[in-house]
Amino acid sequence: MNQTINFAKTRFLMTSILLFGFLLPTTGMSQKPLIKPHEVPDQCNANTSQIRVTVNGVGSGGVLNVGLYNNDPDNFLFKKGRKRTVRIPATDEQHIVCMNLDQSGTYAVAVYHDKNADRKLKLRWNMMPDEPFGLSNNPENQTAFPKFSDSAFTTGKLGADIVVNLRQP
């Protein structure tokens, strides 16, 4: 009888371990990927019409998000006005992110370091960013919502090279 109880306990433990072991990878795989295929930056090429963004002040961990906005002042920093988003793993170094352009024009760039990789800019109670952020042209600290005109730049035939310095919250 003792052997039967020990066998039953062992079988229960083995079954539990197998089930638990199989559930762990499934749970991990169901999470959203940090970077989706359409969010990967383009290969940098000075002879191609593209925006080449140099980002300073990035820390390690999480994801660096670079958003390109059309010449649409009313929708600046809103999804509707965003032409493209690029995401890359954040490391403690300067990053250069490139995005090919369909046509020359006036654009603006917004960058933030998504430290917890939840794909959202964490905001404070007063709606100011609680994660490192920056805009093209590096406008001075603002107490109001940023304006497109303060961050706008015009691209030429071969695009533009811009620098964004992340500000710590």
C-alpha atoms as a PDB file:
ATOM      1  CA  MET A   1       0.000   0.000   0.000  1.00  0.00           C
ATOM      2  CA  ASN A   2       2.870   2.378   0.869  1.00  0.00           C
ATOM      3  CA  GLN A   3       4.400   1.744  -2.553  1.00  0.00           C
ATOM      4  CA  THR A   4       1.078   2.570  -4.207  1.00  0.00           C
ATOM      5  CA  ILE A   5       0.840   5.913  -2.353  1.00  0.00           C
ATOM      6  CA  ASN A   6       4.491   6.771  -3.174  1.00  0.00           C
ATOM      7  CA  PHE A   7       3.930   5.836  -6.829  1.00  0.00           C
ATOM      8  CA  ALA A   8       0.776   8.016  -6.954  1.00  0.00           C
ATOM      9  CA  LYS A   9       2.624  10.951  -5.342  1.00  0.00           C
ATOM     10  CA  THR A  10       5.553  10.578  -7.735  1.00  0.00           C
ATOM     11  CA  ARG A  11       3.227  10.357 -10.735  1.00  0.00           C
ATOM     12  CA  PHE A  12       1.327  13.456  -9.547  1.00  0.00           C
ATOM     13  CA  LEU A  13       4.580  15.403  -9.068  1.00  0.00           C
ATOM     14  CA  MET A  14       5.940  14.367 -12.470  1.00  0.00           C
ATOM     15  CA  THR A  15       2.675  15.270 -14.209  1.00  0.00           C
ATOM     16  CA  SER A  16       2.620  18.651 -12.442  1.00  0.00           C
ATOM     17  CA  ILE A  17       6.216  19.384 -13.428  1.00  0.00           C
ATOM     18  CA  LEU A  18       5.559  18.453 -17.054  1.00  0.00           C
ATOM     19  CA  LEU A  19       2.409  20.553 -17.233  1.00  0.00           C
ATOM     20  CA  PHE A  20       4.061  23.498 -15.510  1.00  0.00           C
ATOM     21  CA  GLY A  21       7.096  23.197 -17.792  1.00  0.00           C
ATOM     22  CA  PHE A  22       4.922  23.247 -20.885  1.00  0.00           C
ATOM     23  CA  LEU A  23       2.857  26.193 -19.658  1.00  0.00           C
ATOM     24  CA  LEU A  24       5.818  28.472 -19.027  1.00  0.00           C
ATOM     25  CA  PRO A  25       7.025  28.770 -22.633  1.00  0.00           C
ATOM     26  CA  THR A  26       3.461  29.119 -23.896  1.00  0.00           C
ATOM     27  CA  THR A  27       2.819  31.990 -21.500  1.00  0.00           C
ATOM     28  CA  GLY A  28       6.052  33.730 -22.498  1.00  0.00           C
ATOM     29  CA  MET A  29       5.367  33.317 -26.199  1.00  0.00           C
ATOM     30  CA  SER A  30       1.917  34.883 -25.951  1.00  0.00           C
ATOM     31  CA  GLN A  31       3.380  38.240 -24.908  1.00  0.00           C
ATOM     32  CA  LYS A  32       3.591  40.977 -27.519  1.00  0.00           C
ATOM     33  CA  PRO A  33       6.993  41.274 -29.180  1.00  0.00           C
ATOM     34  CA  LEU A  34       9.057  44.281 -28.124  1.00  0.00           C
ATOM     35  CA  ILE A  35       9.731  45.217 -31.741  1.00  0.00           C
ATOM     36  CA  LYS A  36       7.453  44.306 -34.630  1.00  0.00           C
ATOM     37  CA  PRO A  37       8.863  43.704 -38.137  1.00  0.00           C
ATOM     38  CA  HIS A  38       7.482  46.988 -39.554  1.00  0.00           C
ATOM     39  CA  GLU A  39       9.143  48.929 -36.689  1.00  0.00           C
ATOM     40  CA  VAL A  40      12.705  47.945 -37.610  1.00  0.00           C
ATOM     41  CA  PRO A  41      14.805  50.909 -38.841  1.00  0.00           C
ATOM     42  CA  ASP A  42      16.058  51.130 -42.403  1.00  0.00           C
ATOM     43  CA  GLN A  43      19.721  50.620 -43.271  1.00  0.00           C
ATOM     44  CA  CYS A  44      21.514  53.965 -42.974  1.00  0.00           C
ATOM     45  CA  ASN A  45      22.773  55.287 -46.303  1.00  0.00           C
ATOM     46  CA  ALA A  46      23.917  58.870 -46.897  1.00  0.00           C
ATOM     47  CA  ASN A  47      23.038  58.482 -50.609  1.00  0.00           C
ATOM     48  CA  THR A  48      19.386  57.615 -49.924  1.00  0.00           C
ATOM     49  CA  SER A  49      16.516  59.968 -49.167  1.00  0.00           C
ATOM     50  CA  GLN A  50      16.100  59.307 -45.471  1.00  0.00           C
ATOM     51  CA  ILE A  51      16.032  60.896 -42.063  1.00  0.00           C
ATOM     52  CA  ARG A  52      19.062  59.927 -40.022  1.00  0.00           C
ATOM     53  CA  VAL A  53      18.418  60.564 -36.328  1.00  0.00           C
ATOM     54  CA  THR A  54      21.305  60.584 -33.865  1.00  0.00           C
ATOM     55  CA  VAL A  55      19.987  60.075 -30.323  1.00  0.00           C
ATOM     56  CA  ASN A  56      22.100  61.026 -27.295  1.00  0.00           C
ATOM     57  CA  GLY A  57      21.451  60.288 -23.635  1.00  0.00           C
ATOM     58  CA  VAL A  58      19.988  56.785 -23.954  1.00  0.00           C
ATOM     59  CA  GLY A  59      20.312  54.390 -21.028  1.00  0.00           C
ATOM     60  CA  SER A  60      20.417  50.622 -21.179  1.00  0.00           C
ATOM     61  CA  GLY A  61      17.372  48.389 -21.018  1.00  0.00           C
ATOM     62  CA  GLY A  62      13.959  48.702 -22.606  1.00  0.00           C
ATOM     63  CA  VAL A  63      13.274  50.100 -26.052  1.00  0.00           C
ATOM     64  CA  LEU A  64      14.148  53.341 -27.843  1.00  0.00           C
ATOM     65  CA  ASN A  65      11.132  54.714 -29.775  1.00  0.00           C
ATOM     66  CA  VAL A  66      11.560  57.147 -32.661  1.00  0.00           C
ATOM     67  CA  GLY A  67       8.418  58.648 -34.181  1.00  0.00           C
ATOM     68  CA  LEU A  68       8.352  60.563 -37.475  1.00  0.00           C
ATOM     69  CA  TYR A  69       5.548  63.110 -37.869  1.00  0.00           C
ATOM     70  CA  ASN A  70       4.107  64.648 -41.047  1.00  0.00           C
ATOM     71  CA  ASN A  71       3.617  68.363 -41.539  1.00  0.00           C
ATOM     72  CA  ASP A  72       0.317  68.309 -39.618  1.00  0.00           C
ATOM     73  CA  PRO A  73       0.556  70.686 -36.642  1.00  0.00           C
ATOM     74  CA  ASP A  74      -2.884  69.724 -35.285  1.00  0.00           C
ATOM     75  CA  ASN A  75      -1.885  66.065 -34.955  1.00  0.00           C
ATOM     76  CA  PHE A  76       1.715  66.460 -33.771  1.00  0.00           C
ATOM     77  CA  LEU A  77       2.530  63.776 -31.173  1.00  0.00           C
ATOM     78  CA  PHE A  78      -0.748  61.972 -31.900  1.00  0.00           C
ATOM     79  CA  LYS A  79      -1.031  58.657 -33.726  1.00  0.00           C
ATOM     80  CA  LYS A  80      -3.004  60.266 -36.558  1.00  0.00           C
ATOM     81  CA  GLY A  81      -0.074  62.582 -37.405  1.00  0.00           C
ATOM     82  CA  ARG A  82       2.639  59.943 -37.144  1.00  0.00           C
ATOM     83  CA  LYS A  83       4.093  58.736 -40.432  1.00  0.00           C
ATOM     84  CA  ARG A  84       6.261  55.988 -38.939  1.00  0.00           C
ATOM     85  CA  THR A  85       7.510  54.546 -35.662  1.00  0.00           C
ATOM     86  CA  VAL A  86      10.858  52.806 -35.319  1.00  0.00           C
ATOM     87  CA  ARG A  87      11.859  50.822 -32.251  1.00  0.00           C
ATOM     88  CA  ILE A  88      15.265  49.414 -31.319  1.00  0.00           C
ATOM     89  CA  PRO A  89      16.681  47.843 -28.157  1.00  0.00           C
ATOM     90  CA  ALA A  90      18.033  50.587 -25.894  1.00  0.00           C
ATOM     91  CA  THR A  91      21.654  50.387 -24.850  1.00  0.00           C
ATOM     92  CA  ASP A  92      23.817  52.809 -22.935  1.00  0.00           C
ATOM     93  CA  GLU A  93      25.272  54.540 -25.994  1.00  0.00           C
ATOM     94  CA  GLN A  94      24.566  56.956 -28.807  1.00  0.00           C
ATOM     95  CA  HIS A  95      22.126  55.529 -31.368  1.00  0.00           C
ATOM     96  CA  ILE A  96      21.677  56.363 -35.044  1.00  0.00           C
ATOM     97  CA  VAL A  97      18.250  55.455 -36.420  1.00  0.00           C
ATOM     98  CA  CYS A  98      17.408  55.793 -40.120  1.00  0.00           C
ATOM     99  CA  MET A  99      14.029  55.995 -41.861  1.00  0.00           C
ATOM    100  CA  ASN A 100      13.630  56.087 -45.639  1.00  0.00           C
ATOM    101  CA  LEU A 101      11.440  58.859 -47.078  1.00  0.00           C
ATOM    102  CA  ASP A 102       8.914  58.678 -49.895  1.00  0.00           C
ATOM    103  CA  GLN A 103       9.294  62.388 -50.584  1.00  0.00           C
ATOM    104  CA  SER A 104      11.023  65.504 -49.324  1.00  0.00           C
ATOM    105  CA  GLY A 105       9.039  67.727 -47.017  1.00  0.00           C
ATOM    106  CA  THR A 106       8.676  69.150 -43.534  1.00  0.00           C
ATOM    107  CA  TYR A 107       8.765  66.684 -40.662  1.00  0.00           C
ATOM    108  CA  ALA A 108       9.355  66.465 -36.909  1.00  0.00           C
ATOM    109  CA  VAL A 109      10.761  63.661 -34.766  1.00  0.00           C
ATOM    110  CA  ALA A 110       9.840  62.626 -31.217  1.00  0.00           C
ATOM    111  CA  VAL A 111      12.008  60.141 -29.307  1.00  0.00           C
ATOM    112  CA  TYR A 112      11.581  58.463 -25.942  1.00  0.00           C
ATOM    113  CA  HIS A 113      13.299  55.718 -23.990  1.00  0.00           C
ATOM    114  CA  ASP A 114      10.609  53.207 -23.012  1.00  0.00           C
ATOM    115  CA  LYS A 115      12.466  51.892 -19.976  1.00  0.00           C
ATOM    116  CA  ASN A 116       9.905  49.231 -19.063  1.00  0.00           C
ATOM    117  CA  ALA A 117       9.234  48.274 -22.728  1.00  0.00           C
ATOM    118  CA  ASP A 118       5.444  48.523 -22.374  1.00  0.00           C
ATOM    119  CA  ARG A 119       5.196  50.436 -25.686  1.00  0.00           C
ATOM    120  CA  LYS A 120       3.752  53.489 -23.920  1.00  0.00           C
ATOM    121  CA  LEU A 121       5.302  56.760 -22.772  1.00  0.00           C
ATOM    122  CA  LYS A 122       4.888  56.858 -19.024  1.00  0.00           C
ATOM    123  CA  LEU A 123       3.453  60.205 -17.895  1.00  0.00           C
ATOM    124  CA  ARG A 124       3.482  61.998 -14.548  1.00  0.00           C
ATOM    125  CA  TRP A 125       0.359  63.352 -12.857  1.00  0.00           C
ATOM    126  CA  ASN A 126       0.858  66.681 -14.698  1.00  0.00           C
ATOM    127  CA  MET A 127       1.066  64.895 -18.099  1.00  0.00           C
ATOM    128  CA  MET A 128       4.804  65.542 -18.443  1.00  0.00           C
ATOM    129  CA  PRO A 129       6.909  62.534 -19.554  1.00  0.00           C
ATOM    130  CA  ASP A 130       8.226  60.298 -16.796  1.00  0.00           C
ATOM    131  CA  GLU A 131      10.695  58.596 -19.152  1.00  0.00           C
ATOM    132  CA  PRO A 132      13.620  60.189 -21.024  1.00  0.00           C
ATOM    133  CA  PHE A 133      12.317  62.057 -24.106  1.00  0.00           C
ATOM    134  CA  GLY A 134      13.369  64.508 -26.778  1.00  0.00           C
ATOM    135  CA  LEU A 135      12.210  66.287 -29.921  1.00  0.00           C
ATOM    136  CA  SER A 136      13.941  67.315 -33.131  1.00  0.00           C
ATOM    137  CA  ASN A 137      15.594  70.753 -32.861  1.00  0.00           C
ATOM    138  CA  ASN A 138      15.852  70.099 -29.097  1.00  0.00           C
ATOM    139  CA  PRO A 139      13.415  72.871 -28.077  1.00  0.00           C
ATOM    140  CA  GLU A 140      13.874  74.353 -24.610  1.00  0.00           C
ATOM    141  CA  ASN A 141      11.873  73.057 -21.658  1.00  0.00           C
ATOM    142  CA  GLN A 142       8.245  73.809 -22.168  1.00  0.00           C
ATOM    143  CA  THR A 143       5.403  73.918 -19.723  1.00  0.00           C
ATOM    144  CA  ALA A 144       2.807  73.633 -22.491  1.00  0.00           C
ATOM    145  CA  PHE A 145       2.207  70.921 -25.096  1.00  0.00           C
ATOM    146  CA  PRO A 146       5.036  71.034 -27.701  1.00  0.00           C
ATOM    147  CA  LYS A 147       4.332  72.752 -31.025  1.00  0.00           C
ATOM    148  CA  PHE A 148       5.142  71.177 -34.371  1.00  0.00           C
ATOM    149  CA  SER A 149       6.810  74.418 -35.503  1.00  0.00           C
ATOM    150  CA  ASP A 150       9.377  74.189 -32.666  1.00  0.00           C
ATOM    151  CA  SER A 151      10.496  70.735 -33.810  1.00  0.00           C
ATOM    152  CA  ALA A 152       9.940  70.973 -37.579  1.00  0.00           C
ATOM    153  CA  PHE A 153      12.733  70.604 -40.137  1.00  0.00           C
ATOM    154  CA  THR A 154      12.763  70.411 -43.930  1.00  0.00           C
ATOM    155  CA  THR A 155      14.419  67.595 -45.830  1.00  0.00           C
ATOM    156  CA  GLY A 156      16.357  67.915 -49.047  1.00  0.00           C
ATOM    157  CA  LYS A 157      16.883  65.445 -51.884  1.00  0.00           C
ATOM    158  CA  LEU A 158      18.951  63.167 -49.621  1.00  0.00           C
ATOM    159  CA  GLY A 159      16.828  63.672 -46.511  1.00  0.00           C
ATOM    160  CA  ALA A 160      18.227  65.168 -43.333  1.00  0.00           C
ATOM    161  CA  ASP A 161      20.593  64.456 -40.471  1.00  0.00           C
ATOM    162  CA  ILE A 162      19.248  65.512 -37.080  1.00  0.00           C
ATOM    163  CA  VAL A 163      20.331  65.145 -33.455  1.00  0.00           C
ATOM    164  CA  VAL A 164      17.964  64.575 -30.543  1.00  0.00           C
ATOM    165  CA  ASN A 165      19.224  64.887 -26.962  1.00  0.00           C
ATOM    166  CA  LEU A 166      17.026  62.967 -24.537  1.00  0.00           C
ATOM    167  CA  ARG A 167      16.020  64.847 -21.413  1.00  0.00           C
ATOM    168  CA  GLN A 168      15.741  62.979 -18.167  1.00  0.00           C
ATOM    169  CA  PRO A 169      12.426  63.423 -16.351  1.00  0.00           C
END
